[in-house]
Every structure is written in structure tokens, then in C-alpha cells.
Amino acid sequence: MLYLHIGDPRQAAGSEETPEGHVLRFDADGEVIGLTIINTKWLLERDHAINVTVPEHVAVGPDALAEALAAA
């Protein structure tokens, strides 16, 4: 598993599973605060990529997402 977070790690107010089986975590305002990617190594070996379908209601800025991915 790969755990990504935006900013300091914190308790999620809610979560949602993506069609791929990953988990998006949200704060009380509905903003994405983290992502758990399941079977990371296997997906990279099989697909050479990791796909995550993000629901339409999710709003995360490119700077926050880039920061989270860079910290991984």
C-alpha cells in the first residue's frame, strides 16, 4: 500500500472507495486530504501506471496534489 497525504497527516472525516479499489480520504469540508493506493507494486509491474478515478465533487489544487505525490 501507498499512503499519500496533503499537508500533515490528520484524521479523515470521511472516505470513498474509487472504482479501482483505492481509498480517498476527506476532511469535514469535503476536501481531499489523502489517498491510499492498494496493490501499488503489483499495479506498477502490471500496468506501469496507477490509475485513480476521482469523483466529480472532489476539488484539490495542482500544488497540493504535486506536493503529496512528491512526498511519496
PDB file of N, CA and C in Angstrom:
ATOM      1  N   MET A   1       0.837  -1.181   0.000  1.00  0.00           N
ATOM      2  CA  MET A   1       0.000   0.000   0.000  1.00  0.00           C
ATOM      3  C   MET A   1       0.877   1.239   0.000  1.00  0.00           C
ATOM      4  N   LEU A   2       0.336   2.278  -0.579  1.00  0.00           N
ATOM      5  CA  LEU A   2       0.998   3.573  -0.584  1.00  0.00           C
ATOM      6  C   LEU A   2       0.025   4.571   0.010  1.00  0.00           C
ATOM      7  N   TYR A   3       0.465   5.244   1.065  1.00  0.00           N
ATOM      8  CA  TYR A   3      -0.360   6.251   1.724  1.00  0.00           C
ATOM      9  C   TYR A   3       0.154   7.634   1.335  1.00  0.00           C
ATOM     10  N   LEU A   4      -0.693   8.447   0.743  1.00  0.00           N
ATOM     11  CA  LEU A   4      -0.354   9.823   0.383  1.00  0.00           C
ATOM     12  C   LEU A   4      -1.230  10.756   1.205  1.00  0.00           C
ATOM     13  N   HIS A   5      -0.657  11.868   1.639  1.00  0.00           N
ATOM     14  CA  HIS A   5      -1.464  12.844   2.359  1.00  0.00           C
ATOM     15  C   HIS A   5      -1.088  14.242   1.913  1.00  0.00           C
ATOM     16  N   ILE A   6      -2.019  15.147   2.038  1.00  0.00           N
ATOM     17  CA  ILE A   6      -1.799  16.546   1.714  1.00  0.00           C
ATOM     18  C   ILE A   6      -1.621  17.273   3.031  1.00  0.00           C
ATOM     19  N   GLY A   7      -0.489  17.917   3.201  1.00  0.00           N
ATOM     20  CA  GLY A   7      -0.188  18.576   4.465  1.00  0.00           C
ATOM     21  C   GLY A   7       0.181  17.536   5.508  1.00  0.00           C
ATOM     22  N   ASP A   8       0.054  17.919   6.763  1.00  0.00           N
ATOM     23  CA  ASP A   8       0.342  16.993   7.852  1.00  0.00           C
ATOM     24  C   ASP A   8      -0.734  15.913   7.911  1.00  0.00           C
ATOM     25  N   PRO A   9      -0.347  14.681   8.235  1.00  0.00           N
ATOM     26  CA  PRO A   9      -1.359  13.623   8.372  1.00  0.00           C
ATOM     27  C   PRO A   9      -2.392  14.011   9.428  1.00  0.00           C
ATOM     28  N   ARG A  10      -3.654  13.728   9.143  1.00  0.00           N
ATOM     29  CA  ARG A  10      -4.730  14.040  10.098  1.00  0.00           C
ATOM     30  C   ARG A  10      -5.887  13.073   9.916  1.00  0.00           C
ATOM     31  N   GLN A  11      -6.744  13.045  10.900  1.00  0.00           N
ATOM     32  CA  GLN A  11      -7.901  12.156  10.889  1.00  0.00           C
ATOM     33  C   GLN A  11      -8.890  12.592   9.807  1.00  0.00           C
ATOM     34  N   ALA A  12      -9.368  11.657   9.031  1.00  0.00           N
ATOM     35  CA  ALA A  12     -10.352  11.940   7.982  1.00  0.00           C
ATOM     36  C   ALA A  12     -11.755  11.982   8.568  1.00  0.00           C
ATOM     37  N   ALA A  13     -12.573  12.853   8.004  1.00  0.00           N
ATOM     38  CA  ALA A  13     -13.980  12.921   8.391  1.00  0.00           C
ATOM     39  C   ALA A  13     -14.799  11.938   7.564  1.00  0.00           C
ATOM     40  N   GLY A  14     -14.253  11.521   6.440  1.00  0.00           N
ATOM     41  CA  GLY A  14     -14.945  10.576   5.575  1.00  0.00           C
ATOM     42  C   GLY A  14     -14.001  10.008   4.544  1.00  0.00           C
ATOM     43  N   SER A  15     -14.456   8.982   3.860  1.00  0.00           N
ATOM     44  CA  SER A  15     -13.643   8.369   2.814  1.00  0.00           C
ATOM     45  C   SER A  15     -14.552   7.799   1.740  1.00  0.00           C
ATOM     46  N   GLU A  16     -13.959   7.534   0.594  1.00  0.00           N
ATOM     47  CA  GLU A  16     -14.718   6.973  -0.524  1.00  0.00           C
ATOM     48  C   GLU A  16     -13.795   6.046  -1.305  1.00  0.00           C
ATOM     49  N   GLU A  17     -14.290   4.871  -1.627  1.00  0.00           N
ATOM     50  CA  GLU A  17     -13.513   3.937  -2.428  1.00  0.00           C
ATOM     51  C   GLU A  17     -13.660   4.295  -3.896  1.00  0.00           C
ATOM     52  N   THR A  18     -12.558   4.257  -4.624  1.00  0.00           N
ATOM     53  CA  THR A  18     -12.597   4.515  -6.062  1.00  0.00           C
ATOM     54  C   THR A  18     -12.965   3.223  -6.789  1.00  0.00           C
ATOM     55  N   PRO A  19     -13.348   3.300  -8.052  1.00  0.00           N
ATOM     56  CA  PRO A  19     -13.653   2.085  -8.808  1.00  0.00           C
ATOM     57  C   PRO A  19     -12.477   1.107  -8.868  1.00  0.00           C
ATOM     58  N   GLU A  20     -11.254   1.624  -8.734  1.00  0.00           N
ATOM     59  CA  GLU A  20     -10.065   0.774  -8.782  1.00  0.00           C
ATOM     60  C   GLU A  20      -9.768   0.106  -7.438  1.00  0.00           C
ATOM     61  N   GLY A  21     -10.507   0.473  -6.400  1.00  0.00           N
ATOM     62  CA  GLY A  21     -10.299  -0.117  -5.084  1.00  0.00           C
ATOM     63  C   GLY A  21      -9.401   0.692  -4.173  1.00  0.00           C
ATOM     64  N   HIS A  22      -8.983   1.880  -4.599  1.00  0.00           N
ATOM     65  CA  HIS A  22      -8.190   2.756  -3.757  1.00  0.00           C
ATOM     66  C   HIS A  22      -9.130   3.526  -2.832  1.00  0.00           C
ATOM     67  N   VAL A  23      -8.583   4.274  -1.873  1.00  0.00           N
ATOM     68  CA  VAL A  23      -9.431   5.000  -0.929  1.00  0.00           C
ATOM     69  C   VAL A  23      -9.019   6.469  -0.879  1.00  0.00           C
ATOM     70  N   LEU A  24      -9.976   7.363  -1.160  1.00  0.00           N
ATOM     71  CA  LEU A  24      -9.784   8.797  -1.000  1.00  0.00           C
ATOM     72  C   LEU A  24     -10.281   9.182   0.389  1.00  0.00           C
ATOM     73  N   ARG A  25      -9.507  10.012   1.097  1.00  0.00           N
ATOM     74  CA  ARG A  25      -9.911  10.475   2.421  1.00  0.00           C
ATOM     75  C   ARG A  25     -10.202  11.978   2.351  1.00  0.00           C
ATOM     76  N   PHE A  26     -11.262  12.402   3.046  1.00  0.00           N
ATOM     77  CA  PHE A  26     -11.739  13.780   3.003  1.00  0.00           C
ATOM     78  C   PHE A  26     -11.760  14.390   4.399  1.00  0.00           C
ATOM     79  N   ASP A  27     -11.600  15.733   4.462  1.00  0.00           N
ATOM     80  CA  ASP A  27     -11.789  16.433   5.727  1.00  0.00           C
ATOM     81  C   ASP A  27     -13.274  16.780   5.871  1.00  0.00           C
ATOM     82  N   ALA A  28     -13.613  17.498   6.918  1.00  0.00           N
ATOM     83  CA  ALA A  28     -15.021  17.838   7.188  1.00  0.00           C
ATOM     84  C   ALA A  28     -15.624  18.737   6.110  1.00  0.00           C
ATOM     85  N   ASP A  29     -14.783  19.461   5.363  1.00  0.00           N
ATOM     86  CA  ASP A  29     -15.269  20.333   4.294  1.00  0.00           C
ATOM     87  C   ASP A  29     -15.365  19.625   2.944  1.00  0.00           C
ATOM     88  N   GLY A  30     -15.028  18.331   2.906  1.00  0.00           N
ATOM     89  CA  GLY A  30     -15.091  17.575   1.666  1.00  0.00           C
ATOM     90  C   GLY A  30     -13.849  17.681   0.807  1.00  0.00           C
ATOM     91  N   GLU A  31     -12.802  18.317   1.316  1.00  0.00           N
ATOM     92  CA  GLU A  31     -11.551  18.442   0.580  1.00  0.00           C
ATOM     93  C   GLU A  31     -10.733  17.159   0.746  1.00  0.00           C
ATOM     94  N   VAL A  32     -10.056  16.761  -0.306  1.00  0.00           N
ATOM     95  CA  VAL A  32      -9.204  15.580  -0.247  1.00  0.00           C
ATOM     96  C   VAL A  32      -8.017  15.872   0.666  1.00  0.00           C
ATOM     97  N   ILE A  33      -7.785  14.969   1.621  1.00  0.00           N
ATOM     98  CA  ILE A  33      -6.620  15.111   2.495  1.00  0.00           C
ATOM     99  C   ILE A  33      -5.672  13.932   2.345  1.00  0.00           C
ATOM    100  N   GLY A  34      -6.109  12.898   1.628  1.00  0.00           N
ATOM    101  CA  GLY A  34      -5.222  11.757   1.461  1.00  0.00           C
ATOM    102  C   GLY A  34      -5.754  10.746   0.473  1.00  0.00           C
ATOM    103  N   LEU A  35      -4.866   9.845   0.119  1.00  0.00           N
ATOM    104  CA  LEU A  35      -5.191   8.777  -0.827  1.00  0.00           C
ATOM    105  C   LEU A  35      -4.408   7.542  -0.427  1.00  0.00           C
ATOM    106  N   THR A  36      -5.086   6.422  -0.350  1.00  0.00           N
ATOM    107  CA  THR A  36      -4.436   5.145  -0.103  1.00  0.00           C
ATOM    108  C   THR A  36      -4.524   4.342  -1.391  1.00  0.00           C
ATOM    109  N   ILE A  37      -3.367   3.986  -1.934  1.00  0.00           N
ATOM    110  CA  ILE A  37      -3.321   3.203  -3.166  1.00  0.00           C
ATOM    111  C   ILE A  37      -3.043   1.756  -2.796  1.00  0.00           C
ATOM    112  N   ILE A  38      -3.937   0.881  -3.208  1.00  0.00           N
ATOM    113  CA  ILE A  38      -3.867  -0.535  -2.891  1.00  0.00           C
ATOM    114  C   ILE A  38      -3.091  -1.276  -3.991  1.00  0.00           C
ATOM    115  N   ASN A  39      -2.271  -2.251  -3.602  1.00  0.00           N
ATOM    116  CA  ASN A  39      -1.501  -3.076  -4.549  1.00  0.00           C
ATOM    117  C   ASN A  39      -0.581  -2.251  -5.445  1.00  0.00           C
ATOM    118  N   THR A  40       0.079  -1.271  -4.854  1.00  0.00           N
ATOM    119  CA  THR A  40       0.906  -0.338  -5.609  1.00  0.00           C
ATOM    120  C   THR A  40       1.949  -1.038  -6.471  1.00  0.00           C
ATOM    121  N   LYS A  41       2.759  -1.870  -5.877  1.00  0.00           N
ATOM    122  CA  LYS A  41       3.841  -2.531  -6.609  1.00  0.00           C
ATOM    123  C   LYS A  41       3.296  -3.410  -7.731  1.00  0.00           C
ATOM    124  N   TRP A  42       2.274  -4.177  -7.429  1.00  0.00           N
ATOM    125  CA  TRP A  42       1.675  -5.064  -8.423  1.00  0.00           C
ATOM    126  C   TRP A  42       1.126  -4.267  -9.604  1.00  0.00           C
ATOM    127  N   LEU A  43       0.423  -3.153  -9.322  1.00  0.00           N
ATOM    128  CA  LEU A  43      -0.125  -2.325 -10.399  1.00  0.00           C
ATOM    129  C   LEU A  43       0.980  -1.747 -11.272  1.00  0.00           C
ATOM    130  N   LEU A  44       2.047  -1.259 -10.638  1.00  0.00           N
ATOM    131  CA  LEU A  44       3.149  -0.697 -11.414  1.00  0.00           C
ATOM    132  C   LEU A  44       3.832  -1.751 -12.275  1.00  0.00           C
ATOM    133  N   GLU A  45       3.997  -2.943 -11.728  1.00  0.00           N
ATOM    134  CA  GLU A  45       4.610  -4.016 -12.516  1.00  0.00           C
ATOM    135  C   GLU A  45       3.711  -4.452 -13.665  1.00  0.00           C
ATOM    136  N   ARG A  46       2.412  -4.516 -13.408  1.00  0.00           N
ATOM    137  CA  ARG A  46       1.468  -4.980 -14.429  1.00  0.00           C
ATOM    138  C   ARG A  46       1.168  -3.902 -15.471  1.00  0.00           C
ATOM    139  N   ASP A  47       0.841  -2.695 -15.011  1.00  0.00           N
ATOM    140  CA  ASP A  47       0.346  -1.639 -15.898  1.00  0.00           C
ATOM    141  C   ASP A  47       1.367  -0.533 -16.181  1.00  0.00           C
ATOM    142  N   HIS A  48       2.422  -0.482 -15.394  1.00  0.00           N
ATOM    143  CA  HIS A  48       3.408   0.603 -15.483  1.00  0.00           C
ATOM    144  C   HIS A  48       2.770   1.957 -15.201  1.00  0.00           C
ATOM    145  N   ALA A  49       1.658   1.937 -14.460  1.00  0.00           N
ATOM    146  CA  ALA A  49       0.942   3.162 -14.103  1.00  0.00           C
ATOM    147  C   ALA A  49      -0.033   2.846 -12.969  1.00  0.00           C
ATOM    148  N   ILE A  50      -0.467   3.884 -12.312  1.00  0.00           N
ATOM    149  CA  ILE A  50      -1.519   3.741 -11.307  1.00  0.00           C
ATOM    150  C   ILE A  50      -2.634   4.690 -11.700  1.00  0.00           C
ATOM    151  N   ASN A  51      -3.829   4.159 -11.874  1.00  0.00           N
ATOM    152  CA  ASN A  51      -4.994   4.954 -12.237  1.00  0.00           C
ATOM    153  C   ASN A  51      -5.887   5.121 -11.021  1.00  0.00           C
ATOM    154  N   VAL A  52      -6.355   6.340 -10.838  1.00  0.00           N
ATOM    155  CA  VAL A  52      -7.279   6.636  -9.746  1.00  0.00           C
ATOM    156  C   VAL A  52      -8.400   7.479 -10.318  1.00  0.00           C
ATOM    157  N   THR A  53      -9.617   6.971 -10.226  1.00  0.00           N
ATOM    158  CA  THR A  53     -10.784   7.729 -10.654  1.00  0.00           C
ATOM    159  C   THR A  53     -11.240   8.585  -9.488  1.00  0.00           C
ATOM    160  N   VAL A  54     -11.231   9.895  -9.684  1.00  0.00           N
ATOM    161  CA  VAL A  54     -11.603  10.831  -8.626  1.00  0.00           C
ATOM    162  C   VAL A  54     -13.031  11.298  -8.884  1.00  0.00           C
ATOM    163  N   PRO A  55     -13.893  11.225  -7.862  1.00  0.00           N
ATOM    164  CA  PRO A  55     -15.280  11.664  -8.053  1.00  0.00           C
ATOM    165  C   PRO A  55     -15.350  13.143  -8.417  1.00  0.00           C
ATOM    166  N   GLU A  56     -16.402  13.524  -9.102  1.00  0.00           N
ATOM    167  CA  GLU A  56     -16.561  14.904  -9.571  1.00  0.00           C
ATOM    168  C   GLU A  56     -16.561  15.924  -8.450  1.00  0.00           C
ATOM    169  N   HIS A  57     -17.053  15.566  -7.289  1.00  0.00           N
ATOM    170  CA  HIS A  57     -17.179  16.560  -6.215  1.00  0.00           C
ATOM    171  C   HIS A  57     -15.863  16.887  -5.531  1.00  0.00           C
ATOM    172  N   VAL A  58     -14.809  16.214  -5.898  1.00  0.00           N
ATOM    173  CA  VAL A  58     -13.513  16.434  -5.263  1.00  0.00           C
ATOM    174  C   VAL A  58     -12.817  17.630  -5.894  1.00  0.00           C
ATOM    175  N   ALA A  59     -12.328  18.526  -5.063  1.00  0.00           N
ATOM    176  CA  ALA A  59     -11.560  19.666  -5.538  1.00  0.00           C
ATOM    177  C   ALA A  59     -10.222  19.683  -4.809  1.00  0.00           C
ATOM    178  N   VAL A  60      -9.159  19.503  -5.566  1.00  0.00           N
ATOM    179  CA  VAL A  60      -7.825  19.581  -4.988  1.00  0.00           C
ATOM    180  C   VAL A  60      -6.952  20.329  -5.980  1.00  0.00           C
ATOM    181  N   GLY A  61      -6.231  21.326  -5.495  1.00  0.00           N
ATOM    182  CA  GLY A  61      -5.397  22.140  -6.367  1.00  0.00           C
ATOM    183  C   GLY A  61      -4.168  21.390  -6.841  1.00  0.00           C
ATOM    184  N   PRO A  62      -3.633  21.783  -7.969  1.00  0.00           N
ATOM    185  CA  PRO A  62      -2.465  21.089  -8.512  1.00  0.00           C
ATOM    186  C   PRO A  62      -1.240  21.183  -7.603  1.00  0.00           C
ATOM    187  N   ASP A  63      -1.082  22.300  -6.895  1.00  0.00           N
ATOM    188  CA  ASP A  63       0.056  22.436  -6.000  1.00  0.00           C
ATOM    189  C   ASP A  63      -0.031  21.438  -4.854  1.00  0.00           C
ATOM    190  N   ALA A  64      -1.209  21.286  -4.275  1.00  0.00           N
ATOM    191  CA  ALA A  64      -1.385  20.345  -3.166  1.00  0.00           C
ATOM    192  C   ALA A  64      -1.185  18.910  -3.635  1.00  0.00           C
ATOM    193  N   LEU A  65      -1.695  18.589  -4.796  1.00  0.00           N
ATOM    194  CA  LEU A  65      -1.538  17.231  -5.316  1.00  0.00           C
ATOM    195  C   LEU A  65      -0.076  16.946  -5.651  1.00  0.00           C
ATOM    196  N   ALA A  66       0.587  17.893  -6.281  1.00  0.00           N
ATOM    197  CA  ALA A  66       2.002  17.710  -6.623  1.00  0.00           C
ATOM    198  C   ALA A  66       2.836  17.535  -5.365  1.00  0.00           C
ATOM    199  N   GLU A  67       2.526  18.302  -4.327  1.00  0.00           N
ATOM    200  CA  GLU A  67       3.251  18.186  -3.060  1.00  0.00           C
ATOM    201  C   GLU A  67       3.056  16.800  -2.449  1.00  0.00           C
ATOM    202  N   ALA A  68       1.842  16.299  -2.489  1.00  0.00           N
ATOM    203  CA  ALA A  68       1.554  14.987  -1.925  1.00  0.00           C
ATOM    204  C   ALA A  68       2.278  13.886  -2.701  1.00  0.00           C
ATOM    205  N   LEU A  69       2.291  13.977  -4.012  1.00  0.00           N
ATOM    206  CA  LEU A  69       2.950  12.971  -4.828  1.00  0.00           C
ATOM    207  C   LEU A  69       4.471  13.038  -4.684  1.00  0.00           C
ATOM    208  N   ALA A  70       4.996  14.228  -4.528  1.00  0.00           N
ATOM    209  CA  ALA A  70       6.447  14.383  -4.369  1.00  0.00           C
ATOM    210  C   ALA A  70       6.935  13.807  -3.045  1.00  0.00           C
ATOM    211  N   ALA A  71       6.080  13.823  -2.027  1.00  0.00           N
ATOM    212  CA  ALA A  71       6.460  13.323  -0.714  1.00  0.00           C
ATOM    213  C   ALA A  71       6.416  11.800  -0.657  1.00  0.00           C
ATOM    214  N   ALA A  72       5.816  11.174  -1.650  1.00  0.00           N
ATOM    215  CA  ALA A  72       5.658   9.707  -1.618  1.00  0.00           C
ATOM    216  C   ALA A  72       6.940   8.986  -1.836  1.00  0.00           C
TER     217      ALA A  72
END
